[in-house]
Amino acid sequence: MGWREWVGLPGVGVEWMKAKIDTGARTSSLHAFDLAEFERDGESWVSFEVHPWQRSAADAVRVEVPVHDRRTVRSSSGHSEDRVVVRLDLRLLDRVVPAEVTLARRDEMGFRMLVGREVLEQGYVVDVSSSYRGGRPGRAVRRSNRRRVDGS
């Protein structure tokens, strides 16, 4: 795969999203909006929105999943943050694989998702000189990704 790829989260209804492949990160990370933890049947759950398009709230998907874990994550700048971890299926290239995903606000980042080493160790090789080796969605989907926040 390349250093960036189109991925999907089939279990929660996100068909396409651009992701950066991050060999420096252990766990994958997803940009989550309106994050709220709650209890269901004595278990910890989390509710959040996924905005699949960069710089846009169009086509937002509301997700509710059990909390798998909580972890302290250290950024490349050395800043530590406690994050909720959930398990999601990730469609990457032509396969669907399980992934542990931390939920974070990534407003300042260019990608809505980072794919970390725990996913890559499931049989993927990264060619850092290329992009989108797994293919791209159709033109209409790619144009949706370019919409601005106001939907234009």
Protein backbone atom coordinates (compact mmCIF):
# COMPACT_ATOMS: atom_id res chain seq x y z
CA MET A 1 0.00 0.00 0.00
CA GLY A 2 0.98 3.62 -0.31
CA TRP A 3 1.55 6.21 2.42
CA ARG A 4 -2.11 7.22 2.07
CA GLU A 5 -5.08 5.09 1.10
CA TRP A 6 -8.86 5.15 0.79
CA VAL A 7 -10.34 3.00 3.56
CA GLY A 8 -13.79 2.08 4.82
CA LEU A 9 -15.42 1.24 8.14
CA PRO A 10 -18.03 -1.26 6.93
CA GLY A 11 -19.45 -2.13 10.34
CA VAL A 12 -20.56 1.46 10.98
CA GLY A 13 -21.61 2.59 7.51
CA VAL A 14 -18.58 4.60 6.38
CA GLU A 15 -17.90 3.49 2.84
CA TRP A 16 -14.94 5.75 1.96
CA MET A 17 -12.49 7.91 3.89
CA LYS A 18 -8.93 9.01 3.21
CA ALA A 19 -6.40 7.66 5.71
CA LYS A 20 -2.73 8.26 6.31
CA ILE A 21 -0.68 5.12 6.83
CA ASP A 22 1.41 5.86 9.92
CA THR A 23 4.16 3.34 10.65
CA GLY A 24 5.20 5.48 13.63
CA ALA A 25 1.87 4.95 15.41
CA ARG A 26 1.09 1.70 17.17
CA THR A 27 -2.68 2.08 17.28
CA SER A 28 -4.93 3.50 14.58
CA SER A 29 -6.75 6.76 15.30
CA LEU A 30 -10.08 8.14 14.08
CA HIS A 31 -11.27 11.75 14.09
CA ALA A 32 -14.42 11.59 16.28
CA PHE A 33 -16.89 14.45 16.76
CA ASP A 34 -19.40 14.89 19.62
CA LEU A 35 -17.84 12.11 21.69
CA ALA A 36 -19.99 11.00 24.65
CA GLU A 37 -19.49 8.02 26.92
CA PHE A 38 -22.49 6.26 28.45
CA GLU A 39 -23.47 3.00 30.11
CA ARG A 40 -25.60 0.31 28.45
CA ASP A 41 -26.47 -2.94 30.24
CA GLY A 42 -23.71 -2.32 32.78
CA GLU A 43 -21.03 -1.84 30.09
CA SER A 44 -19.19 1.30 28.97
CA TRP A 45 -20.18 2.52 25.50
CA VAL A 46 -19.27 5.55 23.42
CA SER A 47 -21.28 7.57 20.93
CA PHE A 48 -19.62 9.78 18.33
CA GLU A 49 -19.91 11.13 14.80
CA VAL A 50 -17.58 10.30 11.93
CA HIS A 51 -17.23 12.98 9.27
CA PRO A 52 -15.73 11.00 6.39
CA TRP A 53 -14.91 14.01 4.19
CA GLN A 54 -11.97 16.27 4.93
CA ARG A 55 -12.94 19.83 5.92
CA SER A 56 -16.66 18.94 5.84
CA ALA A 57 -19.48 17.77 8.10
CA ALA A 58 -21.47 16.46 5.11
CA ASP A 59 -22.56 12.81 5.25
CA ALA A 60 -21.78 12.51 8.98
CA VAL A 61 -22.38 9.05 10.47
CA ARG A 62 -23.47 8.56 14.11
CA VAL A 63 -21.78 5.54 15.73
CA GLU A 64 -22.41 3.75 19.04
CA VAL A 65 -19.98 1.00 20.06
CA PRO A 66 -18.69 -0.57 23.27
CA VAL A 67 -15.55 0.90 24.83
CA HIS A 68 -12.76 -1.64 24.44
CA ASP A 69 -10.04 0.12 26.46
CA ARG A 70 -8.55 3.45 27.47
CA ARG A 71 -4.96 4.38 26.66
CA THR A 72 -2.53 7.19 27.08
CA VAL A 73 -1.28 8.17 23.64
CA ARG A 74 1.82 10.27 23.11
CA SER A 75 1.99 12.47 20.01
CA SER A 76 5.14 12.95 17.95
CA SER A 77 5.55 16.31 19.74
CA GLY A 78 5.62 14.52 23.13
CA HIS A 79 2.13 15.59 24.27
CA SER A 80 0.23 12.83 26.16
CA GLU A 81 -3.54 12.38 25.98
CA ASP A 82 -5.93 9.78 27.42
CA ARG A 83 -8.16 8.31 24.71
CA VAL A 84 -11.03 5.88 24.39
CA VAL A 85 -10.23 2.76 22.33
CA VAL A 86 -12.89 0.93 20.31
CA ARG A 87 -12.78 -2.09 18.01
CA LEU A 88 -13.84 -1.50 14.41
CA ASP A 89 -13.54 -3.45 11.18
CA LEU A 90 -11.36 -1.62 8.67
CA ARG A 91 -11.53 -2.17 4.92
CA LEU A 92 -8.02 -1.64 3.62
CA LEU A 93 -7.14 -2.52 0.04
CA ASP A 94 -9.13 -5.68 -0.74
CA ARG A 95 -9.46 -6.98 2.84
CA VAL A 96 -11.49 -6.26 5.96
CA VAL A 97 -9.40 -6.55 9.14
CA PRO A 98 -10.11 -5.91 12.82
CA ALA A 99 -8.59 -2.77 14.29
CA GLU A 100 -8.20 -1.18 17.69
CA VAL A 101 -8.89 2.51 17.11
CA THR A 102 -8.38 5.46 19.45
CA LEU A 103 -10.94 8.26 19.20
CA ALA A 104 -9.57 11.80 19.06
CA ARG A 105 -10.28 15.28 17.80
CA ARG A 106 -8.01 15.69 14.78
CA ASP A 107 -9.21 19.13 13.61
CA GLU A 108 -5.73 20.32 12.78
CA MET A 109 -4.79 17.16 10.89
CA GLY A 110 -5.14 16.59 7.16
CA PHE A 111 -6.58 13.07 7.43
CA ARG A 112 -9.66 11.87 9.30
CA MET A 113 -7.92 8.58 10.11
CA LEU A 114 -4.44 7.25 10.80
CA VAL A 115 -3.76 3.55 10.25
CA GLY A 116 -1.15 2.27 12.71
CA ARG A 117 1.21 -0.70 12.99
CA GLU A 118 -1.27 -3.03 14.72
CA VAL A 119 -3.27 -3.08 11.48
CA LEU A 120 -0.22 -3.14 9.21
CA GLU A 121 1.15 -6.21 11.01
CA GLN A 122 -1.79 -8.17 9.58
CA GLY A 123 0.07 -8.71 6.32
CA TYR A 124 0.53 -5.26 4.76
CA VAL A 125 3.66 -3.68 3.30
CA VAL A 126 3.97 0.09 2.87
CA ASP A 127 5.60 1.68 -0.17
CA VAL A 128 6.19 5.24 1.06
CA SER A 129 6.88 6.47 -2.48
CA SER A 130 3.32 5.80 -3.65
CA SER A 131 -0.31 6.66 -2.83
CA TYR A 132 -3.66 4.94 -3.23
CA ARG A 133 -2.27 1.58 -4.34
CA GLY A 134 -5.56 0.02 -3.28
CA GLY A 135 -7.44 2.10 -5.81
CA ARG A 136 -9.78 5.05 -5.51
CA PRO A 137 -13.53 5.41 -5.33
CA GLY A 138 -15.42 6.86 -8.27
CA ARG A 139 -15.16 10.51 -9.29
CA ALA A 140 -18.40 11.51 -7.50
CA VAL A 141 -17.05 10.19 -4.18
CA ARG A 142 -13.72 11.92 -4.64
CA ARG A 143 -15.50 15.20 -5.41
CA SER A 144 -17.58 14.81 -2.23
CA ASN A 145 -14.31 14.71 -0.31
CA ARG A 146 -13.47 18.17 -1.69
CA ARG A 147 -16.65 19.89 -0.49
CA ARG A 148 -16.14 22.71 1.96
CA VAL A 149 -17.77 22.79 5.39
CA ASP A 150 -20.70 24.80 4.02
CA GLY A 151 -21.44 21.94 1.58
CA SER A 152 -20.43 23.73 -1.61
